[in-house]
Amino acid sequence: MKALVYHGPQDIRCDEVADPDPAATDGAIVRITHSGICGSDLHIYEGHGWAEPRFTTGHEAVGEVVEVGSRVRRFKPGDRVMVSGAAACATCSPCARGRMDLCESGGASVFGVGIGLAGSQAEAVGVPAADNTLAVIPEGMTEEQALMLTDNLPTGWFGATRAEVRPGSTVAVIGLGPVGQHAVESAFVLGASRVLALDLVPERLDAAAAVGAEPVAVDGDTVARGLETTGGHGVDAAIEAVGRDDSIRLSMEVAARGATISIVGVPQSPTIAVPGMLTQAKNQTLRLSLCPVQSTWDALIPLVERGRLHPERVITTRMPLREGADAYARFHAREDGVMKVVLSATG
């Protein structure tokens, strides 16, 4: 089958690879129809932390079940499904509570990061613990909407809930890629009265403004303007969706005393430089989180079905899987306002 394969920094190719092994007793094989390129995939593309080449990339996918193991009960061949970006054992106590990120059997495994699970930027993928890792795409939901439910929208939503956004909250979202855009919408759904949207890229600021956020272009006066617009107090909650030291510090500086700061951006280095005296002096709560995607589906699927959330709006670029190398290069260069790339396995 065809799949995108990491060969080294800025070298991803569409190669011929082996088909997935037959489904394990609790697993499934899914034929991929659409996959997404995530901002965290760019960390791989840039070579951050991945020394060993030759693995299939990608952790966002939707498609059709073609094979299930003997212990799979919720799915059958022919089902249209979304594939969570990560899988866990599904049997330990945390997994039973929906917290796959706290799995006691070695933690959750992310598809397509070079170890463990093969990626889903491919024509097919093997899915472990299928009853827990998959969800049926509801009738009437598009595959592009469902694709955003495999990682980006859940992460934005989780970031907003971890920031304790409540009715009447003033919120700042730092970083307006797909996750940040979803965090903006999620904050409004959770009752935020105002959302300040911070980024460097004009098109992303415009996208956030289109759903009611107040755009703030990041420059040397960002903190002063953010404080001024909140009467000098700062925001009640901040969601950091980049993972860089400078944006983490910015989130703390624009947040009020006693605020909660939720970091869902994937760090681009092994350590994070946290200005401890600043956050301690302001008595802030700092939370770094990896989203347990499956735990968000019960809340998010109805919100998408009812039109309260529109995850597909972040998609800017559609390309075939066979042009994946060019898709990565364009996304990395932010060419022509590229924000979210969706790859089709056919065409």
Protein backbone atom coordinates (compact mmCIF):
# COMPACT_ATOMS: atom_id res chain seq x y z
CA MET A 1 0.00 0.00 0.00
CA LYS A 2 0.98 3.67 -0.29
CA ALA A 3 1.98 5.59 2.83
CA LEU A 4 3.92 8.69 3.84
CA VAL A 5 7.27 7.68 5.33
CA TYR A 6 9.73 9.77 7.34
CA HIS A 7 13.26 9.42 5.92
CA GLY A 8 14.89 12.24 7.88
CA PRO A 9 14.47 15.98 8.55
CA GLN A 10 12.34 17.61 5.84
CA ASP A 11 12.32 14.34 3.90
CA ILE A 12 8.93 12.66 3.84
CA ARG A 13 8.06 10.51 0.84
CA CYS A 14 5.06 8.60 -0.45
CA ASP A 15 6.41 5.03 -0.48
CA GLU A 16 5.15 1.52 -1.03
CA VAL A 17 4.99 -0.22 2.37
CA ALA A 18 3.63 -3.48 3.70
CA ASP A 19 -0.09 -3.74 4.39
CA PRO A 20 -1.11 -3.80 8.07
CA ASP A 21 -0.87 -7.21 9.71
CA PRO A 22 -4.18 -9.06 10.18
CA ALA A 23 -6.22 -7.56 13.00
CA ALA A 24 -5.37 -8.69 16.52
CA THR A 25 -8.22 -10.24 18.49
CA ASP A 26 -9.18 -6.81 19.89
CA GLY A 27 -8.06 -4.79 16.86
CA ALA A 28 -9.26 -3.69 13.46
CA ILE A 29 -7.93 -2.77 10.03
CA VAL A 30 -9.26 0.52 8.69
CA ARG A 31 -9.04 1.58 5.06
CA ILE A 32 -8.20 5.28 5.22
CA THR A 33 -10.20 7.73 3.14
CA HIS A 34 -8.87 10.99 4.62
CA SER A 35 -5.99 11.86 6.92
CA GLY A 36 -4.73 15.14 8.33
CA ILE A 37 -1.34 16.75 8.83
CA CYS A 38 -1.12 18.09 12.38
CA GLY A 39 1.10 20.89 13.65
CA SER A 40 2.88 18.32 15.82
CA ASP A 41 3.69 16.37 12.64
CA LEU A 42 5.83 19.34 11.65
CA HIS A 43 7.99 18.67 14.73
CA ILE A 44 8.74 15.28 13.21
CA TYR A 45 9.27 16.85 9.79
CA GLU A 46 11.80 19.24 11.32
CA GLY A 47 13.62 16.35 13.01
CA HIS A 48 12.91 17.26 16.63
CA GLY A 49 13.64 14.13 18.69
CA TRP A 50 13.33 11.62 15.87
CA ALA A 51 16.75 10.17 15.09
CA GLU A 52 15.63 6.93 13.46
CA PRO A 53 14.18 7.29 9.96
CA ARG A 54 11.75 5.13 8.05
CA PHE A 55 8.42 5.09 9.80
CA THR A 56 4.90 5.85 8.61
CA THR A 57 3.63 9.23 9.78
CA GLY A 58 0.28 10.65 10.85
CA HIS A 59 -2.24 10.31 13.68
CA GLU A 60 -5.46 11.81 12.30
CA ALA A 61 -7.63 9.62 10.09
CA VAL A 62 -11.11 8.53 9.10
CA GLY A 63 -12.11 5.62 6.94
CA GLU A 64 -13.92 2.30 6.64
CA VAL A 65 -13.46 -0.82 8.75
CA VAL A 66 -12.37 -3.74 6.57
CA GLU A 67 -11.46 -6.34 9.21
CA VAL A 68 -12.05 -6.84 12.94
CA GLY A 69 -10.63 -9.24 15.51
CA SER A 70 -12.71 -11.91 17.23
CA ARG A 71 -13.11 -9.87 20.46
CA VAL A 72 -14.28 -6.65 18.80
CA ARG A 73 -17.94 -6.03 19.66
CA ARG A 74 -18.78 -2.46 18.63
CA PHE A 75 -17.61 -2.45 15.00
CA LYS A 76 -17.94 -4.50 11.85
CA PRO A 77 -16.60 -4.34 8.30
CA GLY A 78 -18.20 -1.51 6.36
CA ASP A 79 -18.56 0.88 9.32
CA ARG A 80 -17.46 4.47 8.67
CA VAL A 81 -15.20 5.40 11.57
CA MET A 82 -12.93 8.05 13.04
CA VAL A 83 -9.64 6.86 14.54
CA SER A 84 -8.43 8.49 17.75
CA GLY A 85 -4.92 9.92 17.42
CA ALA A 86 -3.75 7.61 20.21
CA ALA A 87 -4.63 4.16 21.55
CA ALA A 88 -4.27 2.59 24.99
CA CYS A 89 -4.96 -0.75 26.62
CA ALA A 90 -8.66 0.02 27.23
CA THR A 91 -8.73 -2.41 30.19
CA CYS A 92 -7.03 -0.68 33.14
CA SER A 93 -8.90 1.52 35.62
CA PRO A 94 -7.98 4.91 34.06
CA CYS A 95 -8.90 3.67 30.58
CA ALA A 96 -12.25 2.48 31.92
CA ARG A 97 -12.84 6.05 33.16
CA GLY A 98 -12.03 7.43 29.73
CA ARG A 99 -8.57 8.69 30.72
CA MET A 100 -6.48 6.86 28.17
CA ASP A 101 -3.74 9.42 28.75
CA LEU A 102 -3.28 7.87 32.22
CA CYS A 103 -3.16 4.26 30.99
CA GLU A 104 -1.39 2.02 33.51
CA SER A 105 -0.20 -0.44 30.86
CA GLY A 106 2.58 1.74 29.51
CA GLY A 107 0.60 4.86 28.63
CA ALA A 108 -1.22 5.78 25.47
CA SER A 109 0.57 5.16 22.17
CA VAL A 110 0.32 7.81 19.46
CA PHE A 111 0.04 6.70 15.85
CA GLY A 112 2.92 7.67 13.58
CA VAL A 113 5.63 9.02 15.87
CA GLY A 114 8.32 6.49 15.07
CA ILE A 115 7.79 3.97 17.85
CA GLY A 116 4.88 1.67 18.54
CA LEU A 117 2.00 2.30 16.18
CA ALA A 118 2.38 2.81 12.43
CA GLY A 119 0.97 6.10 11.21
CA SER A 120 -2.32 6.75 9.48
CA GLN A 121 -1.14 8.92 6.56
CA ALA A 122 -1.55 5.78 4.52
CA GLU A 123 -4.08 3.75 2.58
CA ALA A 124 -4.79 1.59 5.64
CA VAL A 125 -3.89 1.37 9.32
CA GLY A 126 -3.97 -1.28 12.03
CA VAL A 127 -5.92 -0.13 15.10
CA PRO A 128 -5.41 -1.80 18.50
CA ALA A 129 -8.19 -1.88 21.14
CA ALA A 130 -10.68 -1.03 18.40
CA ASP A 131 -13.73 -0.86 20.68
CA ASN A 132 -12.02 1.98 22.53
CA THR A 133 -9.98 3.64 19.77
CA LEU A 134 -12.66 4.00 17.09
CA ALA A 135 -16.01 5.78 16.90
CA VAL A 136 -18.68 5.44 14.24
CA ILE A 137 -19.14 8.59 12.16
CA PRO A 138 -22.76 9.63 12.74
CA GLU A 139 -25.15 9.84 9.83
CA GLY A 140 -25.08 13.37 8.46
CA MET A 141 -21.58 14.21 9.74
CA THR A 142 -19.04 14.77 6.99
CA GLU A 143 -15.73 12.95 6.94
CA GLU A 144 -13.89 16.27 7.21
CA GLN A 145 -15.83 17.13 10.37
CA ALA A 146 -15.09 13.67 11.76
CA LEU A 147 -11.41 14.01 10.89
CA MET A 148 -11.15 17.09 13.12
CA LEU A 149 -12.59 14.97 15.96
CA THR A 150 -9.59 12.63 15.89
CA ASP A 151 -7.22 15.15 17.52
CA ASN A 152 -7.45 18.90 16.81
CA LEU A 153 -10.95 19.69 18.08
CA PRO A 154 -10.66 17.43 21.16
CA THR A 155 -7.34 19.07 22.04
CA GLY A 156 -8.75 22.58 21.72
CA TRP A 157 -11.78 21.58 23.81
CA PHE A 158 -9.64 19.83 26.41
CA GLY A 159 -7.42 22.90 26.61
CA ALA A 160 -10.45 25.08 27.32
CA THR A 161 -11.87 22.75 29.97
CA ARG A 162 -8.45 22.38 31.64
CA ALA A 163 -8.22 26.18 31.74
CA GLU A 164 -11.51 26.12 33.68
CA VAL A 165 -13.33 28.36 31.23
CA ARG A 166 -16.72 29.20 32.76
CA PRO A 167 -19.70 31.40 31.86
CA GLY A 168 -18.52 34.98 31.90
CA SER A 169 -14.80 34.16 31.71
CA THR A 170 -12.35 36.32 29.81
CA VAL A 171 -9.98 34.02 27.92
CA ALA A 172 -6.77 34.34 25.93
CA VAL A 173 -5.79 31.78 23.30
CA ILE A 174 -2.13 31.93 22.32
CA GLY A 175 -1.41 30.32 18.96
CA LEU A 176 -4.15 30.16 16.32
CA GLY A 177 -3.38 27.06 14.36
CA PRO A 178 -6.17 24.47 14.14
CA VAL A 179 -5.99 23.59 17.86
CA GLY A 180 -6.03 27.25 18.84
CA GLN A 181 -8.94 27.99 16.51
CA HIS A 182 -10.88 25.12 18.08
CA ALA A 183 -9.98 26.42 21.53
CA VAL A 184 -11.48 29.79 20.61
CA GLU A 185 -14.77 28.19 19.55
CA SER A 186 -14.74 25.87 22.55
CA ALA A 187 -14.26 28.76 24.96
CA PHE A 188 -17.33 30.50 23.56
CA VAL A 189 -19.39 27.29 23.78
CA LEU A 190 -18.32 26.96 27.43
CA GLY A 191 -19.64 30.46 28.11
CA ALA A 192 -16.67 32.81 27.74
CA SER A 193 -17.77 36.42 27.46
CA ARG A 194 -14.60 37.50 25.64
CA VAL A 195 -11.77 35.67 23.89
CA LEU A 196 -8.51 37.41 23.02
CA ALA A 197 -6.87 35.59 20.11
CA LEU A 198 -3.07 36.00 19.89
CA ASP A 199 -0.91 35.11 16.90
CA LEU A 200 1.59 36.48 14.38
CA VAL A 201 -0.22 35.44 11.19
CA PRO A 202 -2.89 37.83 9.81
CA GLU A 203 -4.98 35.07 8.20
CA ARG A 204 -5.20 33.20 11.50
CA LEU A 205 -6.16 36.35 13.37
CA ASP A 206 -8.89 36.94 10.79
CA ALA A 207 -10.18 33.37 11.17
CA ALA A 208 -10.49 33.80 14.94
CA ALA A 209 -12.18 37.19 14.53
CA ALA A 210 -14.74 35.59 12.21
CA VAL A 211 -16.14 33.59 15.16
CA GLY A 212 -16.18 36.52 17.58
CA ALA A 213 -12.69 36.61 19.08
CA GLU A 214 -10.74 39.85 19.55
CA PRO A 215 -7.56 39.51 17.45
CA VAL A 216 -4.27 40.63 19.02
CA ALA A 217 -1.22 40.62 16.76
CA VAL A 218 1.79 39.48 18.77
CA ASP A 219 4.53 42.11 19.00
CA GLY A 220 6.46 43.94 21.70
CA ASP A 221 3.30 45.60 23.03
CA THR A 222 1.18 42.46 23.26
CA VAL A 223 1.14 42.18 27.04
CA ALA A 224 0.40 45.86 27.56
CA ARG A 225 -2.46 45.76 25.08
CA GLY A 226 -3.82 42.55 26.57
CA LEU A 227 -3.82 44.04 30.05
CA GLU A 228 -5.28 47.31 28.83
CA THR A 229 -8.21 45.59 27.16
CA THR A 230 -9.00 43.77 30.42
CA GLY A 231 -8.80 46.88 32.58
CA GLY A 232 -5.31 45.98 33.78
CA HIS A 233 -6.38 42.69 35.38
CA GLY A 234 -5.48 40.16 32.70
CA VAL A 235 -7.58 37.22 31.53
CA ASP A 236 -9.25 34.66 33.78
CA ALA A 237 -7.98 31.72 31.72
CA ALA A 238 -5.28 31.23 29.09
CA ILE A 239 -4.87 28.41 26.58
CA GLU A 240 -1.41 27.96 25.07
CA ALA A 241 -1.54 26.03 21.79
CA VAL A 242 2.03 26.35 20.50
CA GLY A 243 4.43 24.71 22.96
CA ARG A 244 7.18 27.32 22.78
CA ASP A 245 8.87 28.94 25.76
CA ASP A 246 8.06 32.44 24.56
CA SER A 247 4.36 31.72 24.05
CA ILE A 248 4.14 29.97 27.43
CA ARG A 249 5.61 33.03 29.12
CA LEU A 250 3.25 35.25 27.14
CA SER A 251 0.27 33.24 28.40
CA MET A 252 1.38 33.82 31.99
CA GLU A 253 1.96 37.51 31.45
CA VAL A 254 -1.49 38.18 29.99
CA ALA A 255 -3.23 36.02 32.62
CA ALA A 256 -4.62 37.55 35.79
CA ARG A 257 -3.66 36.73 39.35
CA GLY A 258 -5.24 33.41 40.27
CA ALA A 259 -5.81 32.49 36.61
CA THR A 260 -5.46 28.97 35.21
CA ILE A 261 -3.14 28.45 32.24
CA SER A 262 -3.66 25.35 30.13
CA ILE A 263 -0.76 24.28 27.90
CA VAL A 264 -1.80 21.90 25.13
CA GLY A 265 0.85 22.92 22.60
CA VAL A 266 3.36 20.12 22.09
CA PRO A 267 6.76 21.26 23.46
CA GLN A 268 9.46 21.53 20.82
CA SER A 269 12.29 20.76 23.25
CA PRO A 270 12.78 18.24 26.11
CA THR A 271 12.47 20.99 28.74
CA ILE A 272 10.20 23.99 29.22
CA ALA A 273 11.50 27.27 30.61
CA VAL A 274 8.81 28.28 33.10
CA PRO A 275 9.14 31.72 34.74
CA GLY A 276 8.46 30.35 38.20
CA MET A 277 8.70 33.63 40.09
CA LEU A 278 6.17 35.24 37.75
CA THR A 279 3.54 32.54 38.02
CA GLN A 280 4.15 32.07 41.75
CA ALA A 281 3.85 35.78 42.44
CA LYS A 282 0.58 35.83 40.51
CA ASN A 283 -0.62 32.64 42.23
CA GLN A 284 -1.48 31.06 38.89
CA THR A 285 -2.25 27.42 38.17
CA LEU A 286 -0.25 25.89 35.30
CA ARG A 287 -1.47 22.70 33.60
CA LEU A 288 0.38 20.76 30.89
CA SER A 289 -1.82 18.18 29.25
CA LEU A 290 -2.06 15.57 26.53
CA CYS A 291 -5.65 15.20 25.41
CA PRO A 292 -7.45 11.85 25.94
CA VAL A 293 -9.32 12.18 22.64
CA GLN A 294 -11.89 9.44 23.21
CA SER A 295 -13.03 11.01 26.49
CA THR A 296 -14.20 14.13 24.63
CA TRP A 297 -16.36 12.45 22.01
CA ASP A 298 -19.54 12.22 24.10
CA ALA A 299 -19.52 16.00 24.52
CA LEU A 300 -18.18 17.04 21.11
CA ILE A 301 -20.05 14.82 18.65
CA PRO A 302 -23.47 16.28 19.61
CA LEU A 303 -22.07 19.83 19.50
CA VAL A 304 -20.84 19.25 15.96
CA GLU A 305 -24.09 17.55 14.93
CA ARG A 306 -26.13 20.50 16.24
CA GLY A 307 -23.92 23.06 14.53
CA ARG A 308 -22.58 24.56 17.75
CA LEU A 309 -19.04 23.77 16.63
CA HIS A 310 -17.76 23.92 13.05
CA PRO A 311 -14.43 22.09 13.06
CA GLU A 312 -14.18 21.87 9.28
CA ARG A 313 -13.73 25.64 8.99
CA VAL A 314 -10.00 25.33 9.79
CA ILE A 315 -9.30 23.23 6.67
CA THR A 316 -7.52 25.31 4.06
CA THR A 317 -5.81 22.79 1.81
CA ARG A 318 -6.85 19.47 0.27
CA MET A 319 -4.35 17.25 -1.54
CA PRO A 320 -4.02 13.57 -2.51
CA LEU A 321 -1.87 11.26 -0.38
CA ARG A 322 0.53 10.73 -3.29
CA GLU A 323 1.43 14.45 -3.06
CA GLY A 324 2.14 14.20 0.66
CA ALA A 325 5.76 15.31 0.36
CA ASP A 326 4.65 18.55 -1.27
CA ALA A 327 1.85 18.93 1.27
CA TYR A 328 4.34 18.79 4.15
CA ALA A 329 6.64 21.29 2.44
CA ARG A 330 3.80 23.73 1.81
CA PHE A 331 2.50 23.41 5.36
CA HIS A 332 5.98 23.87 6.80
CA ALA A 333 6.45 27.05 4.74
CA ARG A 334 2.92 28.29 5.63
CA GLU A 335 2.57 28.77 1.90
CA ASP A 336 -0.52 30.67 0.70
CA GLY A 337 -2.03 30.79 4.17
CA VAL A 338 -1.99 27.01 4.70
CA MET A 339 -3.40 26.22 8.15
CA LYS A 340 -4.82 22.69 7.92
CA VAL A 341 -4.02 20.10 5.26
CA VAL A 342 -6.30 17.14 4.55
CA LEU A 343 -4.99 14.26 2.45
CA SER A 344 -7.29 11.98 0.45
CA ALA A 345 -6.16 8.40 -0.02
CA THR A 346 -7.67 8.30 -3.48
CA GLY A 347 -7.36 10.69 -6.39
